[in-house]
Amino acid sequence: MHELSVAMGIVKIAEDETKKAKAKKVTLIELEIGKLAGVEFESLDFVWPAAVKNTVLEDAERKIDVKEGLGQCGDCDTVFEIQHFYDSCPKCGSNLKGIIQGKELRVKALEVI
């Protein structure tokens, strides 16, 4: 279950940034996670309480901005929504594409006190 390591990485970022800001705790954390990032949201929800226990994130509100997957066809340049990496272009059927959105996994914002 790599969601635990993802959660622990988020905790590390929050603790480092809180220390830099000379703050004591985080009141809000905003995450940006793409549907193609390989994160199972239910698993992340499951491990979150254990990962943040006794950290600056323990009482923080968590908001997640979920980014849809978008690709651009390498043959006809059509931009289209992707649910899976193997989805083909709906216009020409090509499997040659570039992922332009959906692989994000970042801490977007922290509110600290």
PDB file of N, CA and C in Angstrom:
ATOM      1  N   MET A   1       0.858  -1.175   0.000  1.00  0.00           N
ATOM      2  CA  MET A   1       0.000   0.000   0.000  1.00  0.00           C
ATOM      3  C   MET A   1       0.900   1.233   0.000  1.00  0.00           C
ATOM      4  N   HIS A   2       1.125   1.805  -1.178  1.00  0.00           N
ATOM      5  CA  HIS A   2       2.019   2.955  -1.250  1.00  0.00           C
ATOM      6  C   HIS A   2       1.357   4.245  -0.796  1.00  0.00           C
ATOM      7  N   GLU A   3       0.060   4.233  -0.543  1.00  0.00           N
ATOM      8  CA  GLU A   3      -0.617   5.439  -0.058  1.00  0.00           C
ATOM      9  C   GLU A   3      -0.076   5.873   1.303  1.00  0.00           C
ATOM     10  N   LEU A   4       0.383   4.917   2.111  1.00  0.00           N
ATOM     11  CA  LEU A   4       0.976   5.276   3.394  1.00  0.00           C
ATOM     12  C   LEU A   4       2.261   6.078   3.170  1.00  0.00           C
ATOM     13  N   SER A   5       3.085   5.663   2.234  1.00  0.00           N
ATOM     14  CA  SER A   5       4.311   6.417   1.958  1.00  0.00           C
ATOM     15  C   SER A   5       3.984   7.780   1.346  1.00  0.00           C
ATOM     16  N   VAL A   6       2.927   7.857   0.550  1.00  0.00           N
ATOM     17  CA  VAL A   6       2.477   9.147   0.010  1.00  0.00           C
ATOM     18  C   VAL A   6       2.059  10.057   1.164  1.00  0.00           C
ATOM     19  N   ALA A   7       1.258   9.527   2.088  1.00  0.00           N
ATOM     20  CA  ALA A   7       0.796  10.312   3.241  1.00  0.00           C
ATOM     21  C   ALA A   7       1.974  10.754   4.105  1.00  0.00           C
ATOM     22  N   MET A   8       2.931   9.874   4.322  1.00  0.00           N
ATOM     23  CA  MET A   8       4.095  10.224   5.136  1.00  0.00           C
ATOM     24  C   MET A   8       4.951  11.300   4.442  1.00  0.00           C
ATOM     25  N   GLY A   9       5.020  11.245   3.124  1.00  0.00           N
ATOM     26  CA  GLY A   9       5.719  12.280   2.369  1.00  0.00           C
ATOM     27  C   GLY A   9       5.030  13.638   2.511  1.00  0.00           C
ATOM     28  N   ILE A  10       3.715  13.629   2.503  1.00  0.00           N
ATOM     29  CA  ILE A  10       2.949  14.860   2.702  1.00  0.00           C
ATOM     30  C   ILE A  10       3.190  15.418   4.099  1.00  0.00           C
ATOM     31  N   VAL A  11       3.209  14.535   5.094  1.00  0.00           N
ATOM     32  CA  VAL A  11       3.494  14.955   6.472  1.00  0.00           C
ATOM     33  C   VAL A  11       4.883  15.602   6.541  1.00  0.00           C
ATOM     34  N   LYS A  12       5.864  15.006   5.906  1.00  0.00           N
ATOM     35  CA  LYS A  12       7.233  15.541   5.915  1.00  0.00           C
ATOM     36  C   LYS A  12       7.276  16.941   5.309  1.00  0.00           C
ATOM     37  N   ILE A  13       6.605  17.116   4.182  1.00  0.00           N
ATOM     38  CA  ILE A  13       6.552  18.437   3.545  1.00  0.00           C
ATOM     39  C   ILE A  13       5.905  19.448   4.488  1.00  0.00           C
ATOM     40  N   ALA A  14       4.785  19.071   5.091  1.00  0.00           N
ATOM     41  CA  ALA A  14       4.073  19.974   6.002  1.00  0.00           C
ATOM     42  C   ALA A  14       4.935  20.332   7.209  1.00  0.00           C
ATOM     43  N   GLU A  15       5.634  19.357   7.759  1.00  0.00           N
ATOM     44  CA  GLU A  15       6.482  19.638   8.922  1.00  0.00           C
ATOM     45  C   GLU A  15       7.659  20.537   8.553  1.00  0.00           C
ATOM     46  N   ASP A  16       8.262  20.305   7.395  1.00  0.00           N
ATOM     47  CA  ASP A  16       9.371  21.146   6.951  1.00  0.00           C
ATOM     48  C   ASP A  16       8.914  22.589   6.724  1.00  0.00           C
ATOM     49  N   GLU A  17       7.769  22.749   6.060  1.00  0.00           N
ATOM     50  CA  GLU A  17       7.269  24.097   5.763  1.00  0.00           C
ATOM     51  C   GLU A  17       6.794  24.812   7.024  1.00  0.00           C
ATOM     52  N   THR A  18       6.227  24.075   7.965  1.00  0.00           N
ATOM     53  CA  THR A  18       5.789  24.665   9.229  1.00  0.00           C
ATOM     54  C   THR A  18       6.997  25.172  10.010  1.00  0.00           C
ATOM     55  N   LYS A  19       8.053  24.380   9.987  1.00  0.00           N
ATOM     56  CA  LYS A  19       9.290  24.772  10.685  1.00  0.00           C
ATOM     57  C   LYS A  19       9.888  26.033  10.045  1.00  0.00           C
ATOM     58  N   LYS A  20       9.898  26.086   8.703  1.00  0.00           N
ATOM     59  CA  LYS A  20      10.416  27.265   7.997  1.00  0.00           C
ATOM     60  C   LYS A  20       9.631  28.522   8.352  1.00  0.00           C
ATOM     61  N   ALA A  21       8.316  28.359   8.510  1.00  0.00           N
ATOM     62  CA  ALA A  21       7.443  29.500   8.821  1.00  0.00           C
ATOM     63  C   ALA A  21       7.434  29.823  10.313  1.00  0.00           C
ATOM     64  N   LYS A  22       8.166  29.038  11.090  1.00  0.00           N
ATOM     65  CA  LYS A  22       8.205  29.192  12.552  1.00  0.00           C
ATOM     66  C   LYS A  22       6.795  29.147  13.149  1.00  0.00           C
ATOM     67  N   ALA A  23       6.006  28.222  12.615  1.00  0.00           N
ATOM     68  CA  ALA A  23       4.636  28.028  13.090  1.00  0.00           C
ATOM     69  C   ALA A  23       4.578  26.761  13.932  1.00  0.00           C
ATOM     70  N   LYS A  24       3.445  26.544  14.581  1.00  0.00           N
ATOM     71  CA  LYS A  24       3.302  25.391  15.467  1.00  0.00           C
ATOM     72  C   LYS A  24       2.480  24.262  14.855  1.00  0.00           C
ATOM     73  N   LYS A  25       1.476  24.632  14.040  1.00  0.00           N
ATOM     74  CA  LYS A  25       0.657  23.578  13.438  1.00  0.00           C
ATOM     75  C   LYS A  25      -0.012  24.068  12.174  1.00  0.00           C
ATOM     76  N   VAL A  26      -0.554  23.128  11.442  1.00  0.00           N
ATOM     77  CA  VAL A  26      -1.256  23.402  10.196  1.00  0.00           C
ATOM     78  C   VAL A  26      -2.755  23.337  10.467  1.00  0.00           C
ATOM     79  N   THR A  27      -3.484  24.350   9.981  1.00  0.00           N
ATOM     80  CA  THR A  27      -4.940  24.335  10.144  1.00  0.00           C
ATOM     81  C   THR A  27      -5.642  23.832   8.884  1.00  0.00           C
ATOM     82  N   LEU A  28      -4.982  23.990   7.727  1.00  0.00           N
ATOM     83  CA  LEU A  28      -5.562  23.560   6.453  1.00  0.00           C
ATOM     84  C   LEU A  28      -4.448  23.114   5.533  1.00  0.00           C
ATOM     85  N   ILE A  29      -4.653  21.972   4.887  1.00  0.00           N
ATOM     86  CA  ILE A  29      -3.732  21.521   3.841  1.00  0.00           C
ATOM     87  C   ILE A  29      -4.551  21.258   2.588  1.00  0.00           C
ATOM     88  N   GLU A  30      -4.090  21.828   1.472  1.00  0.00           N
ATOM     89  CA  GLU A  30      -4.736  21.615   0.185  1.00  0.00           C
ATOM     90  C   GLU A  30      -3.807  20.779  -0.688  1.00  0.00           C
ATOM     91  N   LEU A  31      -4.344  19.674  -1.179  1.00  0.00           N
ATOM     92  CA  LEU A  31      -3.588  18.769  -2.035  1.00  0.00           C
ATOM     93  C   LEU A  31      -4.159  18.801  -3.441  1.00  0.00           C
ATOM     94  N   GLU A  32      -3.307  18.583  -4.414  1.00  0.00           N
ATOM     95  CA  GLU A  32      -3.729  18.463  -5.806  1.00  0.00           C
ATOM     96  C   GLU A  32      -3.272  17.082  -6.274  1.00  0.00           C
ATOM     97  N   ILE A  33      -4.238  16.225  -6.583  1.00  0.00           N
ATOM     98  CA  ILE A  33      -3.920  14.853  -6.965  1.00  0.00           C
ATOM     99  C   ILE A  33      -4.648  14.518  -8.263  1.00  0.00           C
ATOM    100  N   GLY A  34      -3.894  14.093  -9.240  1.00  0.00           N
ATOM    101  CA  GLY A  34      -4.469  13.711 -10.530  1.00  0.00           C
ATOM    102  C   GLY A  34      -4.997  12.290 -10.505  1.00  0.00           C
ATOM    103  N   LYS A  35      -6.022  12.055 -11.311  1.00  0.00           N
ATOM    104  CA  LYS A  35      -6.607  10.715 -11.384  1.00  0.00           C
ATOM    105  C   LYS A  35      -5.645   9.692 -11.978  1.00  0.00           C
ATOM    106  N   LEU A  36      -4.604  10.163 -12.655  1.00  0.00           N
ATOM    107  CA  LEU A  36      -3.616   9.260 -13.241  1.00  0.00           C
ATOM    108  C   LEU A  36      -2.350   9.152 -12.391  1.00  0.00           C
ATOM    109  N   ALA A  37      -2.383   9.696 -11.177  1.00  0.00           N
ATOM    110  CA  ALA A  37      -1.197   9.693 -10.304  1.00  0.00           C
ATOM    111  C   ALA A  37      -0.965   8.345  -9.635  1.00  0.00           C
ATOM    112  N   GLY A  38      -1.903   7.447  -9.742  1.00  0.00           N
ATOM    113  CA  GLY A  38      -1.736   6.126  -9.141  1.00  0.00           C
ATOM    114  C   GLY A  38      -2.108   6.077  -7.675  1.00  0.00           C
ATOM    115  N   VAL A  39      -2.812   7.085  -7.185  1.00  0.00           N
ATOM    116  CA  VAL A  39      -3.221   7.127  -5.782  1.00  0.00           C
ATOM    117  C   VAL A  39      -4.666   6.641  -5.675  1.00  0.00           C
ATOM    118  N   GLU A  40      -4.881   5.672  -4.814  1.00  0.00           N
ATOM    119  CA  GLU A  40      -6.240   5.202  -4.517  1.00  0.00           C
ATOM    120  C   GLU A  40      -6.775   6.081  -3.393  1.00  0.00           C
ATOM    121  N   PHE A  41      -7.786   6.885  -3.704  1.00  0.00           N
ATOM    122  CA  PHE A  41      -8.284   7.870  -2.747  1.00  0.00           C
ATOM    123  C   PHE A  41      -8.852   7.218  -1.484  1.00  0.00           C
ATOM    124  N   GLU A  42      -9.533   6.096  -1.626  1.00  0.00           N
ATOM    125  CA  GLU A  42     -10.068   5.399  -0.448  1.00  0.00           C
ATOM    126  C   GLU A  42      -8.941   4.908   0.454  1.00  0.00           C
ATOM    127  N   SER A  43      -7.867   4.417  -0.136  1.00  0.00           N
ATOM    128  CA  SER A  43      -6.720   3.950   0.652  1.00  0.00           C
ATOM    129  C   SER A  43      -6.029   5.118   1.349  1.00  0.00           C
ATOM    130  N   LEU A  44      -5.918   6.249   0.654  1.00  0.00           N
ATOM    131  CA  LEU A  44      -5.322   7.427   1.277  1.00  0.00           C
ATOM    132  C   LEU A  44      -6.175   7.884   2.466  1.00  0.00           C
ATOM    133  N   ASP A  45      -7.491   7.877   2.297  1.00  0.00           N
ATOM    134  CA  ASP A  45      -8.386   8.231   3.406  1.00  0.00           C
ATOM    135  C   ASP A  45      -8.208   7.276   4.585  1.00  0.00           C
ATOM    136  N   PHE A  46      -7.988   6.010   4.293  1.00  0.00           N
ATOM    137  CA  PHE A  46      -7.836   4.990   5.334  1.00  0.00           C
ATOM    138  C   PHE A  46      -6.557   5.204   6.149  1.00  0.00           C
ATOM    139  N   VAL A  47      -5.443   5.496   5.465  1.00  0.00           N
ATOM    140  CA  VAL A  47      -4.157   5.620   6.163  1.00  0.00           C
ATOM    141  C   VAL A  47      -3.922   7.017   6.748  1.00  0.00           C
ATOM    142  N   TRP A  48      -4.682   7.999   6.302  1.00  0.00           N
ATOM    143  CA  TRP A  48      -4.444   9.382   6.717  1.00  0.00           C
ATOM    144  C   TRP A  48      -4.407   9.574   8.240  1.00  0.00           C
ATOM    145  N   PRO A  49      -5.413   9.088   8.998  1.00  0.00           N
ATOM    146  CA  PRO A  49      -5.387   9.315  10.450  1.00  0.00           C
ATOM    147  C   PRO A  49      -4.124   8.775  11.130  1.00  0.00           C
ATOM    148  N   ALA A  50      -3.656   7.618  10.714  1.00  0.00           N
ATOM    149  CA  ALA A  50      -2.445   7.042  11.308  1.00  0.00           C
ATOM    150  C   ALA A  50      -1.205   7.837  10.902  1.00  0.00           C
ATOM    151  N   ALA A  51      -1.169   8.322   9.669  1.00  0.00           N
ATOM    152  CA  ALA A  51       0.000   9.051   9.179  1.00  0.00           C
ATOM    153  C   ALA A  51       0.155  10.414   9.849  1.00  0.00           C
ATOM    154  N   VAL A  52      -0.957  11.069  10.177  1.00  0.00           N
ATOM    155  CA  VAL A  52      -0.881  12.430  10.723  1.00  0.00           C
ATOM    156  C   VAL A  52      -0.930  12.481  12.248  1.00  0.00           C
ATOM    157  N   LYS A  53      -1.128  11.340  12.877  1.00  0.00           N
ATOM    158  CA  LYS A  53      -1.208  11.317  14.345  1.00  0.00           C
ATOM    159  C   LYS A  53       0.088  11.860  14.952  1.00  0.00           C
ATOM    160  N   ASN A  54      -0.058  12.766  15.925  1.00  0.00           N
ATOM    161  CA  ASN A  54       1.072  13.390  16.627  1.00  0.00           C
ATOM    162  C   ASN A  54       1.992  14.187  15.697  1.00  0.00           C
ATOM    163  N   THR A  55       1.431  14.771  14.627  1.00  0.00           N
ATOM    164  CA  THR A  55       2.198  15.621  13.715  1.00  0.00           C
ATOM    165  C   THR A  55       1.506  16.982  13.618  1.00  0.00           C
ATOM    166  N   VAL A  56       2.108  17.877  12.871  1.00  0.00           N
ATOM    167  CA  VAL A  56       1.512  19.208  12.677  1.00  0.00           C
ATOM    168  C   VAL A  56       0.203  19.139  11.896  1.00  0.00           C
ATOM    169  N   LEU A  57      -0.069  18.012  11.260  1.00  0.00           N
ATOM    170  CA  LEU A  57      -1.291  17.849  10.469  1.00  0.00           C
ATOM    171  C   LEU A  57      -2.427  17.172  11.231  1.00  0.00           C
ATOM    172  N   GLU A  58      -2.203  16.804  12.472  1.00  0.00           N
ATOM    173  CA  GLU A  58      -3.188  15.997  13.195  1.00  0.00           C
ATOM    174  C   GLU A  58      -4.586  16.606  13.195  1.00  0.00           C
ATOM    175  N   ASP A  59      -4.705  17.899  13.414  1.00  0.00           N
ATOM    176  CA  ASP A  59      -6.021  18.539  13.478  1.00  0.00           C
ATOM    177  C   ASP A  59      -6.343  19.369  12.242  1.00  0.00           C
ATOM    178  N   ALA A  60      -5.544  19.247  11.211  1.00  0.00           N
ATOM    179  CA  ALA A  60      -5.718  20.071  10.012  1.00  0.00           C
ATOM    180  C   ALA A  60      -6.892  19.586   9.154  1.00  0.00           C
ATOM    181  N   GLU A  61      -7.574  20.555   8.580  1.00  0.00           N
ATOM    182  CA  GLU A  61      -8.597  20.233   7.574  1.00  0.00           C
ATOM    183  C   GLU A  61      -7.849  19.882   6.291  1.00  0.00           C
ATOM    184  N   ARG A  62      -8.342  18.872   5.581  1.00  0.00           N
ATOM    185  CA  ARG A  62      -7.689  18.435   4.341  1.00  0.00           C
ATOM    186  C   ARG A  62      -8.645  18.630   3.182  1.00  0.00           C
ATOM    187  N   LYS A  63      -8.162  19.321   2.156  1.00  0.00           N
ATOM    188  CA  LYS A  63      -8.941  19.505   0.927  1.00  0.00           C
ATOM    189  C   LYS A  63      -8.144  18.908  -0.219  1.00  0.00           C
ATOM    190  N   ILE A  64      -8.834  18.169  -1.075  1.00  0.00           N
ATOM    191  CA  ILE A  64      -8.164  17.551  -2.220  1.00  0.00           C
ATOM    192  C   ILE A  64      -8.809  18.056  -3.503  1.00  0.00           C
ATOM    193  N   ASP A  65      -7.992  18.643  -4.362  1.00  0.00           N
ATOM    194  CA  ASP A  65      -8.416  19.079  -5.688  1.00  0.00           C
ATOM    195  C   ASP A  65      -8.039  17.945  -6.646  1.00  0.00           C
ATOM    196  N   VAL A  66      -9.045  17.232  -7.139  1.00  0.00           N
ATOM    197  CA  VAL A  66      -8.809  16.088  -8.030  1.00  0.00           C
ATOM    198  C   VAL A  66      -8.752  16.585  -9.473  1.00  0.00           C
ATOM    199  N   LYS A  67      -7.648  16.293 -10.140  1.00  0.00           N
ATOM    200  CA  LYS A  67      -7.455  16.704 -11.528  1.00  0.00           C
ATOM    201  C   LYS A  67      -7.801  15.547 -12.468  1.00  0.00           C
ATOM    202  N   GLU A  68      -8.660  15.834 -13.430  1.00  0.00           N
ATOM    203  CA  GLU A  68      -9.017  14.845 -14.441  1.00  0.00           C
ATOM    204  C   GLU A  68      -7.805  14.573 -15.337  1.00  0.00           C
ATOM    205  N   GLY A  69      -7.781  13.391 -15.934  1.00  0.00           N
ATOM    206  CA  GLY A  69      -6.726  13.069 -16.877  1.00  0.00           C
ATOM    207  C   GLY A  69      -7.026  13.662 -18.237  1.00  0.00           C
ATOM    208  N   LEU A  70      -6.052  14.334 -18.822  1.00  0.00           N
ATOM    209  CA  LEU A  70      -6.178  14.881 -20.169  1.00  0.00           C
ATOM    210  C   LEU A  70      -4.966  14.461 -20.987  1.00  0.00           C
ATOM    211  N   GLY A  71      -5.238  14.106 -22.224  1.00  0.00           N
ATOM    212  CA  GLY A  71      -4.172  13.750 -23.139  1.00  0.00           C
ATOM    213  C   GLY A  71      -4.306  14.508 -24.438  1.00  0.00           C
ATOM    214  N   GLN A  72      -3.216  14.580 -25.186  1.00  0.00           N
ATOM    215  CA  GLN A  72      -3.246  15.191 -26.501  1.00  0.00           C
ATOM    216  C   GLN A  72      -2.704  14.184 -27.496  1.00  0.00           C
ATOM    217  N   CYS A  73      -3.502  13.917 -28.509  1.00  0.00           N
ATOM    218  CA  CYS A  73      -3.142  12.936 -29.526  1.00  0.00           C
ATOM    219  C   CYS A  73      -1.890  13.382 -30.274  1.00  0.00           C
ATOM    220  N   GLY A  74      -0.969  12.460 -30.453  1.00  0.00           N
ATOM    221  CA  GLY A  74       0.256  12.748 -31.179  1.00  0.00           C
ATOM    222  C   GLY A  74       0.070  12.766 -32.684  1.00  0.00           C
ATOM    223  N   ASP A  75      -1.053  12.218 -33.169  1.00  0.00           N
ATOM    224  CA  ASP A  75      -1.296  12.173 -34.606  1.00  0.00           C
ATOM    225  C   ASP A  75      -2.203  13.308 -35.092  1.00  0.00           C
ATOM    226  N   CYS A  76      -3.287  13.578 -34.358  1.00  0.00           N
ATOM    227  CA  CYS A  76      -4.243  14.590 -34.845  1.00  0.00           C
ATOM    228  C   CYS A  76      -4.364  15.805 -33.912  1.00  0.00           C
ATOM    229  N   ASP A  77      -3.605  15.827 -32.825  1.00  0.00           N
ATOM    230  CA  ASP A  77      -3.566  16.947 -31.861  1.00  0.00           C
ATOM    231  C   ASP A  77      -4.856  17.163 -31.075  1.00  0.00           C
ATOM    232  N   THR A  78      -5.792  16.230 -31.117  1.00  0.00           N
ATOM    233  CA  THR A  78      -7.019  16.347 -30.338  1.00  0.00           C
ATOM    234  C   THR A  78      -6.695  16.232 -28.850  1.00  0.00           C
ATOM    235  N   VAL A  79      -7.270  17.124 -28.036  1.00  0.00           N
ATOM    236  CA  VAL A  79      -7.153  17.044 -26.582  1.00  0.00           C
ATOM    237  C   VAL A  79      -8.390  16.311 -26.079  1.00  0.00           C
ATOM    238  N   PHE A  80      -8.177  15.279 -25.255  1.00  0.00           N
ATOM    239  CA  PHE A  80      -9.311  14.462 -24.803  1.00  0.00           C
ATOM    240  C   PHE A  80      -9.093  13.971 -23.377  1.00  0.00           C
ATOM    241  N   GLU A  81     -10.211  13.643 -22.714  1.00  0.00           N
ATOM    242  CA  GLU A  81     -10.169  13.141 -21.345  1.00  0.00           C
ATOM    243  C   GLU A  81      -9.701  11.692 -21.335  1.00  0.00           C
ATOM    244  N   ILE A  82      -8.850  11.384 -20.366  1.00  0.00           N
ATOM    245  CA  ILE A  82      -8.296  10.038 -20.221  1.00  0.00           C
ATOM    246  C   ILE A  82      -8.693   9.483 -18.853  1.00  0.00           C
ATOM    247  N   GLN A  83      -9.216   8.283 -18.853  1.00  0.00           N
ATOM    248  CA  GLN A  83      -9.496   7.579 -17.600  1.00  0.00           C
ATOM    249  C   GLN A  83      -8.348   6.641 -17.241  1.00  0.00           C
ATOM    250  N   HIS A  84      -7.693   6.100 -18.286  1.00  0.00           N
ATOM    251  CA  HIS A  84      -6.608   5.134 -18.115  1.00  0.00           C
ATOM    252  C   HIS A  84      -5.478   5.480 -19.088  1.00  0.00           C
ATOM    253  N   PHE A  85      -4.261   5.123 -18.755  1.00  0.00           N
ATOM    254  CA  PHE A  85      -3.122   5.425 -19.618  1.00  0.00           C
ATOM    255  C   PHE A  85      -3.252   4.822 -21.010  1.00  0.00           C
ATOM    256  N   TYR A  86      -3.982   3.724 -21.127  1.00  0.00           N
ATOM    257  CA  TYR A  86      -4.081   3.049 -22.413  1.00  0.00           C
ATOM    258  C   TYR A  86      -5.242   3.544 -23.276  1.00  0.00           C
ATOM    259  N   ASP A  87      -5.976   4.558 -22.836  1.00  0.00           N
ATOM    260  CA  ASP A  87      -7.081   5.094 -23.640  1.00  0.00           C
ATOM    261  C   ASP A  87      -6.543   5.661 -24.952  1.00  0.00           C
ATOM    262  N   SER A  88      -7.269   5.394 -26.032  1.00  0.00           N
ATOM    263  CA  SER A  88      -6.858   5.900 -27.341  1.00  0.00           C
ATOM    264  C   SER A  88      -7.641   7.161 -27.702  1.00  0.00           C
ATOM    265  N   CYS A  89      -7.189   7.852 -28.701  1.00  0.00           N
ATOM    266  CA  CYS A  89      -7.818   9.087 -29.156  1.00  0.00           C
ATOM    267  C   CYS A  89      -9.231   8.787 -29.664  1.00  0.00           C
ATOM    268  N   PRO A  90     -10.223   9.519 -29.164  1.00  0.00           N
ATOM    269  CA  PRO A  90     -11.591   9.264 -29.613  1.00  0.00           C
ATOM    270  C   PRO A  90     -11.853   9.737 -31.044  1.00  0.00           C
ATOM    271  N   LYS A  91     -10.988  10.611 -31.566  1.00  0.00           N
ATOM    272  CA  LYS A  91     -11.196  11.138 -32.919  1.00  0.00           C
ATOM    273  C   LYS A  91     -10.583  10.232 -33.988  1.00  0.00           C
ATOM    274  N   CYS A  92      -9.303   9.833 -33.799  1.00  0.00           N
ATOM    275  CA  CYS A  92      -8.631   9.054 -34.846  1.00  0.00           C
ATOM    276  C   CYS A  92      -8.261   7.639 -34.418  1.00  0.00           C
ATOM    277  N   GLY A  93      -8.418   7.324 -33.119  1.00  0.00           N
ATOM    278  CA  GLY A  93      -8.129   5.982 -32.633  1.00  0.00           C
ATOM    279  C   GLY A  93      -6.667   5.714 -32.317  1.00  0.00           C
ATOM    280  N   SER A  94      -5.814   6.697 -32.484  1.00  0.00           N
ATOM    281  CA  SER A  94      -4.380   6.523 -32.231  1.00  0.00           C
ATOM    282  C   SER A  94      -4.111   6.294 -30.745  1.00  0.00           C
ATOM    283  N   ASN A  95      -3.106   5.487 -30.455  1.00  0.00           N
ATOM    284  CA  ASN A  95      -2.665   5.277 -29.080  1.00  0.00           C
ATOM    285  C   ASN A  95      -1.479   6.179 -28.723  1.00  0.00           C
ATOM    286  N   LEU A  96      -0.996   6.946 -29.685  1.00  0.00           N
ATOM    287  CA  LEU A  96       0.117   7.850 -29.464  1.00  0.00           C
ATOM    288  C   LEU A  96      -0.421   9.152 -28.867  1.00  0.00           C
ATOM    289  N   LYS A  97      -0.041   9.406 -27.609  1.00  0.00           N
ATOM    290  CA  LYS A  97      -0.561  10.610 -26.937  1.00  0.00           C
ATOM    291  C   LYS A  97       0.429  11.080 -25.895  1.00  0.00           C
ATOM    292  N   GLY A  98       0.273  12.339 -25.542  1.00  0.00           N
ATOM    293  CA  GLY A  98       1.012  12.914 -24.428  1.00  0.00           C
ATOM    294  C   GLY A  98       0.031  13.215 -23.313  1.00  0.00           C
ATOM    295  N   ILE A  99       0.441  12.936 -22.089  1.00  0.00           N
ATOM    296  CA  ILE A  99      -0.406  13.247 -20.928  1.00  0.00           C
ATOM    297  C   ILE A  99      -0.159  14.709 -20.575  1.00  0.00           C
ATOM    298  N   ILE A 100      -1.206  15.529 -20.599  1.00  0.00           N
ATOM    299  CA  ILE A 100      -1.032  16.949 -20.291  1.00  0.00           C
ATOM    300  C   ILE A 100      -1.614  17.335 -18.932  1.00  0.00           C
ATOM    301  N   GLN A 101      -2.392  16.448 -18.336  1.00  0.00           N
ATOM    302  CA  GLN A 101      -2.925  16.702 -16.992  1.00  0.00           C
ATOM    303  C   GLN A 101      -3.388  15.385 -16.394  1.00  0.00           C
ATOM    304  N   GLY A 102      -3.253  15.282 -15.067  1.00  0.00           N
ATOM    305  CA  GLY A 102      -3.785  14.123 -14.372  1.00  0.00           C
ATOM    306  C   GLY A 102      -2.767  13.331 -13.580  1.00  0.00           C
ATOM    307  N   LYS A 103      -1.470  13.655 -13.736  1.00  0.00           N
ATOM    308  CA  LYS A 103      -0.436  12.933 -12.992  1.00  0.00           C
ATOM    309  C   LYS A 103       0.050  13.720 -11.773  1.00  0.00           C
ATOM    310  N   GLU A 104      -0.612  14.835 -11.463  1.00  0.00           N
ATOM    311  CA  GLU A 104      -0.194  15.696 -10.365  1.00  0.00           C
ATOM    312  C   GLU A 104      -0.290  14.979  -9.018  1.00  0.00           C
ATOM    313  N   LEU A 105       0.632  15.301  -8.150  1.00  0.00           N
ATOM    314  CA  LEU A 105       0.609  14.841  -6.760  1.00  0.00           C
ATOM    315  C   LEU A 105       1.430  15.854  -5.974  1.00  0.00           C
ATOM    316  N   ARG A 106       0.739  16.885  -5.474  1.00  0.00           N
ATOM    317  CA  ARG A 106       1.475  17.978  -4.816  1.00  0.00           C
ATOM    318  C   ARG A 106       0.684  18.599  -3.686  1.00  0.00           C
ATOM    319  N   VAL A 107       1.445  19.192  -2.780  1.00  0.00           N
ATOM    320  CA  VAL A 107       0.846  20.012  -1.728  1.00  0.00           C
ATOM    321  C   VAL A 107       0.676  21.395  -2.354  1.00  0.00           C
ATOM    322  N   LYS A 108      -0.564  21.800  -2.495  1.00  0.00           N
ATOM    323  CA  LYS A 108      -0.884  23.061  -3.162  1.00  0.00           C
ATOM    324  C   LYS A 108      -0.769  24.252  -2.200  1.00  0.00           C
ATOM    325  N   ALA A 109      -1.237  24.067  -0.953  1.00  0.00           N
ATOM    326  CA  ALA A 109      -1.204  25.169   0.003  1.00  0.00           C
ATOM    327  C   ALA A 109      -1.268  24.626   1.429  1.00  0.00           C
ATOM    328  N   LEU A 110      -0.693  25.406   2.341  1.00  0.00           N
ATOM    329  CA  LEU A 110      -0.764  25.126   3.776  1.00  0.00           C
ATOM    330  C   LEU A 110      -1.151  26.408   4.494  1.00  0.00           C
ATOM    331  N   GLU A 111      -2.055  26.304   5.438  1.00  0.00           N
ATOM    332  CA  GLU A 111      -2.340  27.419   6.340  1.00  0.00           C
ATOM    333  C   GLU A 111      -1.813  27.019   7.704  1.00  0.00           C
ATOM    334  N   VAL A 112      -0.932  27.848   8.253  1.00  0.00           N
ATOM    335  CA  VAL A 112      -0.290  27.519   9.521  1.00  0.00           C
ATOM    336  C   VAL A 112      -0.549  28.598  10.570  1.00  0.00           C
ATOM    337  N   ILE A 113      -0.454  28.185  11.837  1.00  0.00           N
ATOM    338  CA  ILE A 113      -0.562  29.151  12.939  1.00  0.00           C
ATOM    339  C   ILE A 113       0.556  28.868  13.941  1.00  0.00           C
TER     340      ILE A 113
END
